[in-house]
Amino acid sequence: GGFGTLDEMFEALTLIQTHKSGKFPVILIGKKFWNGLINWIKDVLLEEEKNISPEDIDLMEIVDTPEEAVNYINDFYKKYHLKPNF
C-alpha cells in the first residue's frame, strides 16, 4: 500500500491502457483503503482534467476479500477465454 505499490499499479494500468501489454486483472483489495485514491482518479483525472477515458476506470477492480479477488480472476479468464500463466 505504499509508494512502491502505487508505482506498480500505475505502471500495470499504463501498460494495459497503451496496449503495450495484454489485458490482465489488476485487483485492489480493500475498498475502504483504496476509495480515496479511486475517487481522486475519477474526479480529477477523468472528470476535471480528462487525462483518462471512462474505459480506463474499468482496467482495475476493487474488492474487499481475497475470495472476491479469486472470483474476479476466474471470471476474467473465462470471459477472455484465457488461462493464467501460473
C-alpha atoms as a PDB file:
ATOM      1  CA  GLY A   1       0.000   0.000   0.000  1.00  0.00           C
ATOM      2  CA  GLY A   2       2.993   2.363  -0.162  1.00  0.00           C
ATOM      3  CA  PHE A   3       4.698   4.218  -2.998  1.00  0.00           C
ATOM      4  CA  GLY A   4       6.063   1.012  -4.498  1.00  0.00           C
ATOM      5  CA  THR A   5       2.582  -0.497  -4.678  1.00  0.00           C
ATOM      6  CA  LEU A   6       1.220   2.656  -6.305  1.00  0.00           C
ATOM      7  CA  ASP A   7       4.101   2.666  -8.780  1.00  0.00           C
ATOM      8  CA  GLU A   8       3.452  -0.953  -9.764  1.00  0.00           C
ATOM      9  CA  MET A   9      -0.307  -0.368 -10.025  1.00  0.00           C
ATOM     10  CA  PHE A  10       0.004   2.692 -12.245  1.00  0.00           C
ATOM     11  CA  GLU A  11       2.694   1.019 -14.367  1.00  0.00           C
ATOM     12  CA  ALA A  12       0.436  -2.009 -14.922  1.00  0.00           C
ATOM     13  CA  LEU A  13      -2.545   0.194 -15.770  1.00  0.00           C
ATOM     14  CA  THR A  14      -0.452   2.290 -18.156  1.00  0.00           C
ATOM     15  CA  LEU A  15       0.868  -0.769 -19.996  1.00  0.00           C
ATOM     16  CA  ILE A  16      -2.666  -2.096 -20.463  1.00  0.00           C
ATOM     17  CA  GLN A  17      -4.074   1.342 -21.357  1.00  0.00           C
ATOM     18  CA  THR A  18      -1.436   1.947 -24.037  1.00  0.00           C
ATOM     19  CA  HIS A  19      -1.706  -1.610 -25.403  1.00  0.00           C
ATOM     20  CA  LYS A  20       1.938  -2.313 -24.607  1.00  0.00           C
ATOM     21  CA  SER A  21       0.725  -5.315 -22.639  1.00  0.00           C
ATOM     22  CA  GLY A  22      -2.245  -7.602 -22.998  1.00  0.00           C
ATOM     23  CA  LYS A  23      -5.077  -7.088 -20.558  1.00  0.00           C
ATOM     24  CA  PHE A  24      -4.695  -8.825 -17.202  1.00  0.00           C
ATOM     25  CA  PRO A  25      -6.518  -8.470 -13.875  1.00  0.00           C
ATOM     26  CA  VAL A  26      -5.476  -5.516 -11.730  1.00  0.00           C
ATOM     27  CA  ILE A  27      -7.207  -6.040  -8.416  1.00  0.00           C
ATOM     28  CA  LEU A  28      -7.122  -3.716  -5.417  1.00  0.00           C
ATOM     29  CA  ILE A  29      -8.165  -5.344  -2.157  1.00  0.00           C
ATOM     30  CA  GLY A  30      -9.814  -3.173   0.474  1.00  0.00           C
ATOM     31  CA  LYS A  31     -12.421  -0.716  -0.787  1.00  0.00           C
ATOM     32  CA  LYS A  32     -12.050   1.492   2.293  1.00  0.00           C
ATOM     33  CA  PHE A  33      -8.271   1.662   1.816  1.00  0.00           C
ATOM     34  CA  TRP A  34      -8.379   2.448  -1.927  1.00  0.00           C
ATOM     35  CA  ASN A  35     -11.562   4.563  -2.019  1.00  0.00           C
ATOM     36  CA  GLY A  36      -9.880   7.964  -1.620  1.00  0.00           C
ATOM     37  CA  LEU A  37      -7.411   7.347  -4.455  1.00  0.00           C
ATOM     38  CA  ILE A  38     -10.092   5.927  -6.744  1.00  0.00           C
ATOM     39  CA  ASN A  39     -12.350   8.918  -6.093  1.00  0.00           C
ATOM     40  CA  TRP A  40      -9.446  11.256  -6.922  1.00  0.00           C
ATOM     41  CA  ILE A  41      -8.754   9.347 -10.136  1.00  0.00           C
ATOM     42  CA  LYS A  42     -12.408   9.637 -11.141  1.00  0.00           C
ATOM     43  CA  ASP A  43     -12.909  13.250 -10.020  1.00  0.00           C
ATOM     44  CA  VAL A  44      -9.610  14.764 -11.151  1.00  0.00           C
ATOM     45  CA  LEU A  45      -8.028  12.594 -13.847  1.00  0.00           C
ATOM     46  CA  LEU A  46     -11.278  11.603 -15.530  1.00  0.00           C
ATOM     47  CA  GLU A  47     -13.759  14.439 -14.949  1.00  0.00           C
ATOM     48  CA  GLU A  48     -11.719  17.609 -14.395  1.00  0.00           C
ATOM     49  CA  GLU A  49      -8.541  17.080 -16.385  1.00  0.00           C
ATOM     50  CA  LYS A  50      -9.793  14.450 -18.850  1.00  0.00           C
ATOM     51  CA  ASN A  51      -6.394  12.712 -18.734  1.00  0.00           C
ATOM     52  CA  ILE A  52      -8.018   9.273 -18.908  1.00  0.00           C
ATOM     53  CA  SER A  53     -11.113   7.891 -20.573  1.00  0.00           C
ATOM     54  CA  PRO A  54     -14.068   6.246 -18.806  1.00  0.00           C
ATOM     55  CA  GLU A  55     -12.911   2.835 -20.076  1.00  0.00           C
ATOM     56  CA  ASP A  56      -9.668   3.249 -18.175  1.00  0.00           C
ATOM     57  CA  ILE A  57     -11.539   3.054 -14.869  1.00  0.00           C
ATOM     58  CA  ASP A  58     -12.591  -0.468 -15.838  1.00  0.00           C
ATOM     59  CA  LEU A  59      -8.945  -1.597 -16.080  1.00  0.00           C
ATOM     60  CA  MET A  60      -8.985  -2.232 -12.338  1.00  0.00           C
ATOM     61  CA  GLU A  61     -11.323  -3.958  -9.932  1.00  0.00           C
ATOM     62  CA  ILE A  62     -11.717  -3.095  -6.259  1.00  0.00           C
ATOM     63  CA  VAL A  63     -12.827  -5.840  -3.881  1.00  0.00           C
ATOM     64  CA  ASP A  64     -12.893  -6.390  -0.149  1.00  0.00           C
ATOM     65  CA  THR A  65     -11.868 -10.002   0.267  1.00  0.00           C
ATOM     66  CA  PRO A  66      -9.373 -12.457  -1.179  1.00  0.00           C
ATOM     67  CA  GLU A  67     -12.328 -14.634  -2.193  1.00  0.00           C
ATOM     68  CA  GLU A  68     -13.750 -11.806  -4.285  1.00  0.00           C
ATOM     69  CA  ALA A  69     -10.342 -11.376  -5.898  1.00  0.00           C
ATOM     70  CA  VAL A  70     -10.157 -15.066  -6.803  1.00  0.00           C
ATOM     71  CA  ASN A  71     -13.694 -14.959  -8.220  1.00  0.00           C
ATOM     72  CA  TYR A  72     -12.802 -11.898 -10.303  1.00  0.00           C
ATOM     73  CA  ILE A  73      -9.678 -13.598 -11.644  1.00  0.00           C
ATOM     74  CA  ASN A  74     -11.614 -16.735 -12.550  1.00  0.00           C
ATOM     75  CA  ASP A  75     -14.356 -14.702 -14.243  1.00  0.00           C
ATOM     76  CA  PHE A  76     -11.783 -12.605 -16.101  1.00  0.00           C
ATOM     77  CA  TYR A  77     -10.063 -15.613 -17.631  1.00  0.00           C
ATOM     78  CA  LYS A  78     -13.377 -17.262 -18.525  1.00  0.00           C
ATOM     79  CA  LYS A  79     -14.604 -14.053 -20.185  1.00  0.00           C
ATOM     80  CA  TYR A  80     -11.489 -13.671 -22.328  1.00  0.00           C
ATOM     81  CA  HIS A  81     -11.020 -17.415 -22.912  1.00  0.00           C
ATOM     82  CA  LEU A  82      -7.529 -17.252 -21.471  1.00  0.00           C
ATOM     83  CA  LYS A  83      -5.642 -19.241 -18.905  1.00  0.00           C
ATOM     84  CA  PRO A  84      -3.461 -17.681 -16.234  1.00  0.00           C
ATOM     85  CA  ASN A  85       0.262 -18.252 -16.670  1.00  0.00           C
ATOM     86  CA  PHE A  86       0.751 -19.579 -13.154  1.00  0.00           C
END
